[in-house]
Amino acid sequence: MPCPWFDLEDLLRGSAEVLGKSTVGSSYKTTLDSGDEVVTKRLRAVSLPREEFRLRVEVIGAIQNKYIAPLQWYYWSRDEKLVVYNIFPMGSLAHALHGNPASPAPPGWEQRAAIALAAARGVAYIHSAGPSSCHGNIKSSNVMLTGTHDACVSEHGLTTLGLFPGASGYSAPEITDASWVSQGADVYSFGVLLLELLTRKAPVKSTQLEDGMSLPEWVCSVAREEWAAEVIDVELLKRQQKDGEEECMIRFLQLAIDCCSHDAKLRPTMPDVVQRIEEMAT
């Protein structure tokens, strides 16, 4: 892991702003006395002893790539476990897609496709670390924008610390026990992420989708009954399409459906996903 330029005292002295809360823990934007800003995640219900926690966090931190948000620092005490990440001023993909009405227009197709490719490369790199190496919590709020056409995945590997978020709407159907994760389940979650990019609908089951269906269920039902483009975000369709963009969207849709297959054996691997997206972009 990178050598941090701060310690626990710096974090405690800094001002903190709540960014969000989840089953994994609470996240804060911490502004240090130096003016630097970091994201501090206060982990919930981690019972690992100090040495085991250290070893597992260092395995997570050793997986470094341009498309993976680096774990900067960690802290263990009997009552407090922290992990610290860089802050990304452009925010998350979730905010870009579903921000409040005063937010700028959602990203265009070229930008969405580039973000999908960057995120896919990040997850594929995590999987390349070994057959049991998984992200475990793929969702749009964990895809951080590093540029208008670039991104990285954040918070990978926290399942190894005994944290099982089971992000609503993203979990593969075979996951009946939150403590069970796999690369195939990551692929399913990534497929849901692709559908979210295409439709700009939140994956969580809600009145936003007919009959409370999951996002993959809704997309498949519409794609069967009507032209597939009926599911694509109207904001994309309103814009003037470049040559080949509409065909590219349909191919993305098919890739997303393949990733979301109920049969895990039929899902592509993440390197396959990267290759298919790269081919679409050329």
C-alpha atoms as a PDB file:
ATOM      1  CA  MET A   1       0.000   0.000   0.000  1.00  0.00           C
ATOM      2  CA  PRO A   2       1.108   3.609  -0.498  1.00  0.00           C
ATOM      3  CA  CYS A   3       2.883   5.245   2.415  1.00  0.00           C
ATOM      4  CA  PRO A   4       0.311   7.655   3.933  1.00  0.00           C
ATOM      5  CA  TRP A   5       1.046  11.303   4.587  1.00  0.00           C
ATOM      6  CA  PHE A   6      -1.232  11.295   7.651  1.00  0.00           C
ATOM      7  CA  ASP A   7      -1.916   9.279  10.792  1.00  0.00           C
ATOM      8  CA  LEU A   8      -4.824   8.668  13.146  1.00  0.00           C
ATOM      9  CA  GLU A   9      -4.293  11.965  14.961  1.00  0.00           C
ATOM     10  CA  ASP A  10      -4.529  13.823  11.649  1.00  0.00           C
ATOM     11  CA  LEU A  11      -7.832  12.088  10.884  1.00  0.00           C
ATOM     12  CA  LEU A  12      -9.226  12.837  14.331  1.00  0.00           C
ATOM     13  CA  ARG A  13      -8.278  16.513  14.097  1.00  0.00           C
ATOM     14  CA  GLY A  14      -9.735  16.880  10.622  1.00  0.00           C
ATOM     15  CA  SER A  15     -13.282  17.978   9.893  1.00  0.00           C
ATOM     16  CA  ALA A  16     -15.626  15.215   8.729  1.00  0.00           C
ATOM     17  CA  GLU A  17     -18.651  15.323   6.443  1.00  0.00           C
ATOM     18  CA  VAL A  18     -20.910  12.272   6.145  1.00  0.00           C
ATOM     19  CA  LEU A  19     -20.969  10.939   2.586  1.00  0.00           C
ATOM     20  CA  GLY A  20     -23.173   7.911   3.146  1.00  0.00           C
ATOM     21  CA  LYS A  21     -24.057   4.920   5.288  1.00  0.00           C
ATOM     22  CA  SER A  22     -24.442   1.282   4.290  1.00  0.00           C
ATOM     23  CA  THR A  23     -24.355  -2.219   5.751  1.00  0.00           C
ATOM     24  CA  VAL A  24     -20.552  -2.104   5.361  1.00  0.00           C
ATOM     25  CA  GLY A  25     -20.134   1.084   7.369  1.00  0.00           C
ATOM     26  CA  SER A  26     -20.233   4.860   7.235  1.00  0.00           C
ATOM     27  CA  SER A  27     -18.149   6.983   4.845  1.00  0.00           C
ATOM     28  CA  TYR A  28     -16.854  10.471   5.608  1.00  0.00           C
ATOM     29  CA  LYS A  29     -15.043  13.130   3.644  1.00  0.00           C
ATOM     30  CA  THR A  30     -12.231  14.071   5.992  1.00  0.00           C
ATOM     31  CA  THR A  31     -10.452  17.392   5.491  1.00  0.00           C
ATOM     32  CA  LEU A  32      -7.039  17.312   7.136  1.00  0.00           C
ATOM     33  CA  ASP A  33      -5.297  20.338   8.655  1.00  0.00           C
ATOM     34  CA  SER A  34      -3.048  20.341   5.591  1.00  0.00           C
ATOM     35  CA  GLY A  35      -6.092  20.943   3.386  1.00  0.00           C
ATOM     36  CA  ASP A  36      -5.865  17.479   1.824  1.00  0.00           C
ATOM     37  CA  GLU A  37      -9.106  15.506   1.614  1.00  0.00           C
ATOM     38  CA  VAL A  38      -9.589  11.742   1.939  1.00  0.00           C
ATOM     39  CA  VAL A  39     -12.518   9.346   2.260  1.00  0.00           C
ATOM     40  CA  THR A  40     -12.574   7.565   5.617  1.00  0.00           C
ATOM     41  CA  LYS A  41     -14.745   4.470   5.861  1.00  0.00           C
ATOM     42  CA  ARG A  42     -15.638   3.367   9.363  1.00  0.00           C
ATOM     43  CA  LEU A  43     -16.207  -0.373   9.095  1.00  0.00           C
ATOM     44  CA  ARG A  44     -19.109  -1.980  10.874  1.00  0.00           C
ATOM     45  CA  ALA A  45     -19.082  -5.334  12.701  1.00  0.00           C
ATOM     46  CA  VAL A  46     -15.567  -6.475  11.805  1.00  0.00           C
ATOM     47  CA  SER A  47     -14.416  -9.021  14.380  1.00  0.00           C
ATOM     48  CA  LEU A  48     -11.032 -10.031  12.959  1.00  0.00           C
ATOM     49  CA  PRO A  49      -8.063  -9.897  15.346  1.00  0.00           C
ATOM     50  CA  ARG A  50      -5.419  -7.268  14.635  1.00  0.00           C
ATOM     51  CA  GLU A  51      -2.897  -9.470  12.780  1.00  0.00           C
ATOM     52  CA  GLU A  52      -5.521 -11.178  10.631  1.00  0.00           C
ATOM     53  CA  PHE A  53      -7.053  -7.804   9.771  1.00  0.00           C
ATOM     54  CA  ARG A  54      -3.623  -6.433   8.832  1.00  0.00           C
ATOM     55  CA  LEU A  55      -2.791  -9.388   6.580  1.00  0.00           C
ATOM     56  CA  ARG A  56      -6.111  -9.260   4.749  1.00  0.00           C
ATOM     57  CA  VAL A  57      -6.042  -5.500   4.265  1.00  0.00           C
ATOM     58  CA  GLU A  58      -2.522  -5.701   2.881  1.00  0.00           C
ATOM     59  CA  VAL A  59      -3.662  -8.306   0.340  1.00  0.00           C
ATOM     60  CA  ILE A  60      -6.400  -5.887  -0.740  1.00  0.00           C
ATOM     61  CA  GLY A  61      -3.925  -2.997  -0.898  1.00  0.00           C
ATOM     62  CA  ALA A  62      -1.472  -5.012  -3.001  1.00  0.00           C
ATOM     63  CA  ILE A  63      -3.946  -5.153  -5.905  1.00  0.00           C
ATOM     64  CA  GLN A  64      -3.054  -1.884  -7.617  1.00  0.00           C
ATOM     65  CA  ASN A  65      -3.991  -0.710 -11.083  1.00  0.00           C
ATOM     66  CA  LYS A  66      -4.999   2.514 -12.818  1.00  0.00           C
ATOM     67  CA  TYR A  67      -8.605   1.328 -12.787  1.00  0.00           C
ATOM     68  CA  ILE A  68      -8.733   0.460  -9.065  1.00  0.00           C
ATOM     69  CA  ALA A  69      -9.083   3.087  -6.332  1.00  0.00           C
ATOM     70  CA  PRO A  70      -6.038   2.573  -4.080  1.00  0.00           C
ATOM     71  CA  LEU A  71      -6.471   1.757  -0.419  1.00  0.00           C
ATOM     72  CA  GLN A  72      -4.298   4.421   1.227  1.00  0.00           C
ATOM     73  CA  TRP A  73      -4.308   3.463   4.886  1.00  0.00           C
ATOM     74  CA  TYR A  74      -6.025   1.367   7.538  1.00  0.00           C
ATOM     75  CA  TYR A  75      -6.435   1.385  11.293  1.00  0.00           C
ATOM     76  CA  TRP A  76      -7.362  -1.356  13.743  1.00  0.00           C
ATOM     77  CA  SER A  77      -8.305  -1.105  17.387  1.00  0.00           C
ATOM     78  CA  ARG A  78     -10.624  -3.239  19.481  1.00  0.00           C
ATOM     79  CA  ASP A  79     -13.456  -0.747  18.991  1.00  0.00           C
ATOM     80  CA  GLU A  80     -12.603   0.913  15.677  1.00  0.00           C
ATOM     81  CA  LYS A  81     -11.614  -0.294  12.211  1.00  0.00           C
ATOM     82  CA  LEU A  82     -10.967   2.240   9.466  1.00  0.00           C
ATOM     83  CA  VAL A  83      -9.926   2.167   5.831  1.00  0.00           C
ATOM     84  CA  VAL A  84      -8.972   5.313   3.943  1.00  0.00           C
ATOM     85  CA  TYR A  85      -9.187   6.039   0.206  1.00  0.00           C
ATOM     86  CA  ASN A  86      -8.416   8.966  -2.067  1.00  0.00           C
ATOM     87  CA  ILE A  87     -11.244  11.368  -2.715  1.00  0.00           C
ATOM     88  CA  PHE A  88     -12.507  11.762  -6.278  1.00  0.00           C
ATOM     89  CA  PRO A  89     -13.786  15.310  -6.863  1.00  0.00           C
ATOM     90  CA  MET A  90     -15.873  14.239  -9.885  1.00  0.00           C
ATOM     91  CA  GLY A  91     -17.832  11.871  -7.651  1.00  0.00           C
ATOM     92  CA  SER A  92     -19.370   8.530  -8.492  1.00  0.00           C
ATOM     93  CA  LEU A  93     -21.148   7.125 -11.519  1.00  0.00           C
ATOM     94  CA  ALA A  94     -24.277   6.839  -9.385  1.00  0.00           C
ATOM     95  CA  HIS A  95     -24.313  10.596  -8.857  1.00  0.00           C
ATOM     96  CA  ALA A  96     -23.623  11.275 -12.539  1.00  0.00           C
ATOM     97  CA  LEU A  97     -26.560   9.084 -13.579  1.00  0.00           C
ATOM     98  CA  HIS A  98     -29.057   9.760 -10.803  1.00  0.00           C
ATOM     99  CA  GLY A  99     -28.019  13.140  -9.376  1.00  0.00           C
ATOM    100  CA  ASN A 100     -30.576  15.668  -8.247  1.00  0.00           C
ATOM    101  CA  PRO A 101     -32.583  17.678 -10.812  1.00  0.00           C
ATOM    102  CA  ALA A 102     -30.157  20.580 -10.524  1.00  0.00           C
ATOM    103  CA  SER A 103     -27.260  18.361 -11.629  1.00  0.00           C
ATOM    104  CA  PRO A 104     -25.742  18.744 -15.085  1.00  0.00           C
ATOM    105  CA  ALA A 105     -27.156  16.611 -17.890  1.00  0.00           C
ATOM    106  CA  PRO A 106     -26.303  12.915 -17.544  1.00  0.00           C
ATOM    107  CA  PRO A 107     -23.261  11.700 -19.481  1.00  0.00           C
ATOM    108  CA  GLY A 108     -23.597  10.944 -23.178  1.00  0.00           C
ATOM    109  CA  TRP A 109     -23.136   7.530 -24.742  1.00  0.00           C
ATOM    110  CA  GLU A 110     -19.458   7.923 -25.621  1.00  0.00           C
ATOM    111  CA  GLN A 111     -18.699   8.834 -22.018  1.00  0.00           C
ATOM    112  CA  ARG A 112     -20.823   5.998 -20.600  1.00  0.00           C
ATOM    113  CA  ALA A 113     -19.140   3.431 -22.863  1.00  0.00           C
ATOM    114  CA  ALA A 114     -15.678   4.665 -21.822  1.00  0.00           C
ATOM    115  CA  ILE A 115     -16.614   4.478 -18.119  1.00  0.00           C
ATOM    116  CA  ALA A 116     -17.942   0.931 -18.617  1.00  0.00           C
ATOM    117  CA  LEU A 117     -14.659  -0.114 -20.220  1.00  0.00           C
ATOM    118  CA  ALA A 118     -12.562   1.420 -17.433  1.00  0.00           C
ATOM    119  CA  ALA A 119     -14.667  -0.270 -14.746  1.00  0.00           C
ATOM    120  CA  ALA A 120     -14.511  -3.599 -16.590  1.00  0.00           C
ATOM    121  CA  ARG A 121     -10.721  -3.362 -16.768  1.00  0.00           C
ATOM    122  CA  GLY A 122     -10.586  -2.703 -13.033  1.00  0.00           C
ATOM    123  CA  VAL A 123     -12.734  -5.709 -12.130  1.00  0.00           C
ATOM    124  CA  ALA A 124     -10.868  -7.940 -14.613  1.00  0.00           C
ATOM    125  CA  TYR A 125      -7.565  -6.963 -12.961  1.00  0.00           C
ATOM    126  CA  ILE A 126      -8.952  -7.871  -9.536  1.00  0.00           C
ATOM    127  CA  HIS A 127     -10.021 -11.273 -10.902  1.00  0.00           C
ATOM    128  CA  SER A 128      -6.546 -11.807 -12.388  1.00  0.00           C
ATOM    129  CA  ALA A 129      -5.075 -11.889  -8.845  1.00  0.00           C
ATOM    130  CA  GLY A 130      -6.430 -15.432  -8.381  1.00  0.00           C
ATOM    131  CA  PRO A 131      -9.560 -17.589  -8.681  1.00  0.00           C
ATOM    132  CA  SER A 132     -10.911 -16.435  -5.322  1.00  0.00           C
ATOM    133  CA  SER A 133     -10.121 -12.743  -5.864  1.00  0.00           C
ATOM    134  CA  CYS A 134     -13.405 -10.820  -6.194  1.00  0.00           C
ATOM    135  CA  HIS A 135     -14.619  -7.265  -5.932  1.00  0.00           C
ATOM    136  CA  GLY A 136     -17.692  -8.333  -3.984  1.00  0.00           C
ATOM    137  CA  ASN A 137     -19.611  -5.055  -4.066  1.00  0.00           C
ATOM    138  CA  ILE A 138     -19.948  -3.799  -7.654  1.00  0.00           C
ATOM    139  CA  LYS A 139     -22.437  -0.938  -7.924  1.00  0.00           C
ATOM    140  CA  SER A 140     -22.544   2.496  -9.505  1.00  0.00           C
ATOM    141  CA  SER A 141     -21.695   4.264  -6.238  1.00  0.00           C
ATOM    142  CA  ASN A 142     -18.440   2.268  -6.184  1.00  0.00           C
ATOM    143  CA  VAL A 143     -17.432   3.388  -9.680  1.00  0.00           C
ATOM    144  CA  MET A 144     -15.549   6.654  -9.206  1.00  0.00           C
ATOM    145  CA  LEU A 145     -15.066   9.105 -12.062  1.00  0.00           C
ATOM    146  CA  THR A 146     -11.441  10.064 -12.613  1.00  0.00           C
ATOM    147  CA  GLY A 147     -12.103  11.946 -15.860  1.00  0.00           C
ATOM    148  CA  THR A 148     -14.962  12.633 -18.232  1.00  0.00           C
ATOM    149  CA  HIS A 149     -14.129   9.398 -20.056  1.00  0.00           C
ATOM    150  CA  ASP A 150     -12.338   7.471 -17.315  1.00  0.00           C
ATOM    151  CA  ALA A 151     -13.146   5.752 -14.047  1.00  0.00           C
ATOM    152  CA  CYS A 152     -11.940   3.300 -11.424  1.00  0.00           C
ATOM    153  CA  VAL A 153     -13.660   0.806  -9.119  1.00  0.00           C
ATOM    154  CA  SER A 154     -13.575   1.382  -5.383  1.00  0.00           C
ATOM    155  CA  GLU A 155     -13.983  -0.654  -2.183  1.00  0.00           C
ATOM    156  CA  HIS A 156     -12.968  -3.990  -3.656  1.00  0.00           C
ATOM    157  CA  GLY A 157     -12.211  -6.973  -1.444  1.00  0.00           C
ATOM    158  CA  LEU A 158     -13.970  -5.836   1.731  1.00  0.00           C
ATOM    159  CA  THR A 159     -15.742  -9.202   1.791  1.00  0.00           C
ATOM    160  CA  THR A 160     -12.421 -10.727   2.892  1.00  0.00           C
ATOM    161  CA  LEU A 161     -12.782  -8.709   6.114  1.00  0.00           C
ATOM    162  CA  GLY A 162     -16.125 -10.338   6.847  1.00  0.00           C
ATOM    163  CA  LEU A 163     -18.228  -7.547   5.338  1.00  0.00           C
ATOM    164  CA  PHE A 164     -20.990  -8.748   3.026  1.00  0.00           C
ATOM    165  CA  PRO A 165     -22.925  -5.805   1.634  1.00  0.00           C
ATOM    166  CA  GLY A 166     -25.277  -7.673  -0.735  1.00  0.00           C
ATOM    167  CA  ALA A 167     -25.988  -4.472  -2.685  1.00  0.00           C
ATOM    168  CA  SER A 168     -29.715  -4.371  -3.356  1.00  0.00           C
ATOM    169  CA  GLY A 169     -30.535  -5.009  -6.998  1.00  0.00           C
ATOM    170  CA  TYR A 170     -27.014  -6.056  -7.970  1.00  0.00           C
ATOM    171  CA  SER A 171     -26.740  -9.481  -6.324  1.00  0.00           C
ATOM    172  CA  ALA A 172     -26.629 -12.611  -8.489  1.00  0.00           C
ATOM    173  CA  PRO A 173     -29.635 -14.930  -8.067  1.00  0.00           C
ATOM    174  CA  GLU A 174     -27.479 -17.807  -6.786  1.00  0.00           C
ATOM    175  CA  ILE A 175     -26.312 -15.696  -3.825  1.00  0.00           C
ATOM    176  CA  THR A 176     -28.587 -16.940  -1.061  1.00  0.00           C
ATOM    177  CA  ASP A 177     -25.951 -16.456   1.645  1.00  0.00           C
ATOM    178  CA  ALA A 178     -24.454 -12.968   1.797  1.00  0.00           C
ATOM    179  CA  SER A 179     -21.105 -14.431   2.864  1.00  0.00           C
ATOM    180  CA  TRP A 180     -20.726 -16.319  -0.420  1.00  0.00           C
ATOM    181  CA  VAL A 181     -19.064 -14.377  -3.238  1.00  0.00           C
ATOM    182  CA  SER A 182     -17.555 -15.443  -6.540  1.00  0.00           C
ATOM    183  CA  GLN A 183     -16.155 -14.027  -9.744  1.00  0.00           C
ATOM    184  CA  GLY A 184     -19.310 -15.201 -11.518  1.00  0.00           C
ATOM    185  CA  ALA A 185     -21.405 -13.167  -9.090  1.00  0.00           C
ATOM    186  CA  ASP A 186     -19.186 -10.149  -9.831  1.00  0.00           C
ATOM    187  CA  VAL A 187     -19.937 -10.617 -13.539  1.00  0.00           C
ATOM    188  CA  TYR A 188     -23.672 -10.609 -12.802  1.00  0.00           C
ATOM    189  CA  SER A 189     -23.333  -7.397 -10.782  1.00  0.00           C
ATOM    190  CA  PHE A 190     -21.322  -5.852 -13.596  1.00  0.00           C
ATOM    191  CA  GLY A 191     -24.083  -6.793 -16.026  1.00  0.00           C
ATOM    192  CA  VAL A 192     -26.570  -4.928 -13.837  1.00  0.00           C
ATOM    193  CA  LEU A 193     -24.185  -1.962 -13.866  1.00  0.00           C
ATOM    194  CA  LEU A 194     -24.179  -2.031 -17.685  1.00  0.00           C
ATOM    195  CA  LEU A 195     -27.988  -2.060 -17.696  1.00  0.00           C
ATOM    196  CA  GLU A 196     -27.966   0.901 -15.320  1.00  0.00           C
ATOM    197  CA  LEU A 197     -25.678   2.776 -17.726  1.00  0.00           C
ATOM    198  CA  LEU A 198     -27.996   1.995 -20.640  1.00  0.00           C
ATOM    199  CA  THR A 199     -31.348   2.668 -18.964  1.00  0.00           C
ATOM    200  CA  ARG A 200     -30.425   5.195 -16.245  1.00  0.00           C
ATOM    201  CA  LYS A 201     -32.752   3.287 -13.939  1.00  0.00           C
ATOM    202  CA  ALA A 202     -31.650   2.378 -10.428  1.00  0.00           C
ATOM    203  CA  PRO A 203     -31.283  -1.413 -10.029  1.00  0.00           C
ATOM    204  CA  VAL A 204     -33.055  -1.584  -6.675  1.00  0.00           C
ATOM    205  CA  LYS A 205     -36.537  -3.071  -6.950  1.00  0.00           C
ATOM    206  CA  SER A 206     -38.996  -0.211  -6.789  1.00  0.00           C
ATOM    207  CA  THR A 207     -42.074   1.316  -8.333  1.00  0.00           C
ATOM    208  CA  GLN A 208     -39.728   2.714 -10.956  1.00  0.00           C
ATOM    209  CA  LEU A 209     -39.887  -0.708 -12.617  1.00  0.00           C
ATOM    210  CA  GLU A 210     -43.078  -2.568 -13.478  1.00  0.00           C
ATOM    211  CA  ASP A 211     -44.419  -4.948 -10.815  1.00  0.00           C
ATOM    212  CA  GLY A 212     -41.327  -4.448  -8.671  1.00  0.00           C
ATOM    213  CA  MET A 213     -39.173  -6.483 -11.066  1.00  0.00           C
ATOM    214  CA  SER A 214     -35.406  -6.388 -10.867  1.00  0.00           C
ATOM    215  CA  LEU A 215     -33.667  -4.336 -13.542  1.00  0.00           C
ATOM    216  CA  PRO A 216     -32.512  -7.427 -15.525  1.00  0.00           C
ATOM    217  CA  GLU A 217     -36.037  -8.919 -15.351  1.00  0.00           C
ATOM    218  CA  TRP A 218     -37.591  -5.679 -16.587  1.00  0.00           C
ATOM    219  CA  VAL A 219     -35.083  -5.251 -19.434  1.00  0.00           C
ATOM    220  CA  CYS A 220     -35.537  -8.839 -20.619  1.00  0.00           C
ATOM    221  CA  SER A 221     -39.341  -8.552 -20.521  1.00  0.00           C
ATOM    222  CA  VAL A 222     -39.331  -5.337 -22.567  1.00  0.00           C
ATOM    223  CA  ALA A 223     -36.646  -6.562 -24.983  1.00  0.00           C
ATOM    224  CA  ARG A 224     -38.732  -9.669 -25.687  1.00  0.00           C
ATOM    225  CA  GLU A 225     -41.956  -7.766 -26.273  1.00  0.00           C
ATOM    226  CA  GLU A 226     -40.738  -4.653 -28.057  1.00  0.00           C
ATOM    227  CA  TRP A 227     -37.749  -3.287 -29.913  1.00  0.00           C
ATOM    228  CA  ALA A 228     -34.742  -3.474 -27.601  1.00  0.00           C
ATOM    229  CA  ALA A 229     -34.140   0.286 -27.798  1.00  0.00           C
ATOM    230  CA  GLU A 230     -37.335   0.828 -25.760  1.00  0.00           C
ATOM    231  CA  VAL A 231     -35.270   0.240 -22.617  1.00  0.00           C
ATOM    232  CA  ILE A 232     -32.505   2.732 -23.457  1.00  0.00           C
ATOM    233  CA  ASP A 233     -32.357   6.011 -21.534  1.00  0.00           C
ATOM    234  CA  VAL A 234     -34.462   8.600 -23.333  1.00  0.00           C
ATOM    235  CA  GLU A 235     -31.732  11.194 -22.679  1.00  0.00           C
ATOM    236  CA  LEU A 236     -29.430   9.180 -24.938  1.00  0.00           C
ATOM    237  CA  LEU A 237     -32.017   8.743 -27.664  1.00  0.00           C
ATOM    238  CA  LYS A 238     -32.863  12.464 -27.681  1.00  0.00           C
ATOM    239  CA  ARG A 239     -29.300  13.362 -28.606  1.00  0.00           C
ATOM    240  CA  GLN A 240     -27.991  13.206 -32.129  1.00  0.00           C
ATOM    241  CA  GLN A 241     -26.372   9.814 -32.564  1.00  0.00           C
ATOM    242  CA  LYS A 242     -22.941   9.422 -34.084  1.00  0.00           C
ATOM    243  CA  ASP A 243     -22.463   6.751 -36.732  1.00  0.00           C
ATOM    244  CA  GLY A 244     -22.717   3.306 -35.154  1.00  0.00           C
ATOM    245  CA  GLU A 245     -23.695   4.510 -31.668  1.00  0.00           C
ATOM    246  CA  GLU A 246     -27.182   3.036 -31.696  1.00  0.00           C
ATOM    247  CA  GLU A 247     -25.848  -0.335 -32.850  1.00  0.00           C
ATOM    248  CA  CYS A 248     -23.218  -0.117 -30.102  1.00  0.00           C
ATOM    249  CA  MET A 249     -25.952   0.431 -27.490  1.00  0.00           C
ATOM    250  CA  ILE A 250     -27.790  -2.669 -28.679  1.00  0.00           C
ATOM    251  CA  ARG A 251     -24.575  -4.706 -28.483  1.00  0.00           C
ATOM    252  CA  PHE A 252     -23.990  -3.372 -24.955  1.00  0.00           C
ATOM    253  CA  LEU A 253     -27.515  -4.443 -24.102  1.00  0.00           C
ATOM    254  CA  GLN A 254     -26.825  -7.986 -25.308  1.00  0.00           C
ATOM    255  CA  LEU A 255     -23.565  -8.102 -23.337  1.00  0.00           C
ATOM    256  CA  ALA A 256     -25.367  -6.944 -20.197  1.00  0.00           C
ATOM    257  CA  ILE A 257     -28.060  -9.620 -20.657  1.00  0.00           C
ATOM    258  CA  ASP A 258     -25.341 -12.277 -21.125  1.00  0.00           C
ATOM    259  CA  CYS A 259     -23.653 -11.134 -17.894  1.00  0.00           C
ATOM    260  CA  CYS A 260     -26.978 -11.361 -16.063  1.00  0.00           C
ATOM    261  CA  SER A 261     -27.690 -14.948 -17.083  1.00  0.00           C
ATOM    262  CA  HIS A 262     -29.336 -16.916 -14.261  1.00  0.00           C
ATOM    263  CA  ASP A 263     -26.957 -19.760 -15.093  1.00  0.00           C
ATOM    264  CA  ALA A 264     -23.563 -18.626 -13.802  1.00  0.00           C
ATOM    265  CA  LYS A 265     -21.814 -21.041 -16.183  1.00  0.00           C
ATOM    266  CA  LEU A 266     -23.214 -19.154 -19.169  1.00  0.00           C
ATOM    267  CA  ARG A 267     -21.875 -15.767 -18.087  1.00  0.00           C
ATOM    268  CA  PRO A 268     -18.747 -14.426 -19.783  1.00  0.00           C
ATOM    269  CA  THR A 269     -15.592 -13.920 -17.755  1.00  0.00           C
ATOM    270  CA  MET A 270     -14.476 -10.366 -17.025  1.00  0.00           C
ATOM    271  CA  PRO A 271     -11.606 -10.582 -19.562  1.00  0.00           C
ATOM    272  CA  ASP A 272     -14.258 -11.579 -22.121  1.00  0.00           C
ATOM    273  CA  VAL A 273     -16.342  -8.572 -21.080  1.00  0.00           C
ATOM    274  CA  VAL A 274     -13.356  -6.249 -21.521  1.00  0.00           C
ATOM    275  CA  GLN A 275     -12.633  -7.681 -24.961  1.00  0.00           C
ATOM    276  CA  ARG A 276     -16.246  -7.324 -26.121  1.00  0.00           C
ATOM    277  CA  ILE A 277     -16.431  -3.700 -24.952  1.00  0.00           C
ATOM    278  CA  GLU A 278     -13.099  -2.915 -26.629  1.00  0.00           C
ATOM    279  CA  GLU A 279     -14.410  -4.416 -29.884  1.00  0.00           C
ATOM    280  CA  MET A 280     -17.555  -2.270 -29.656  1.00  0.00           C
ATOM    281  CA  ALA A 281     -15.445   0.853 -29.194  1.00  0.00           C
ATOM    282  CA  THR A 282     -13.390   0.284 -32.344  1.00  0.00           C
END
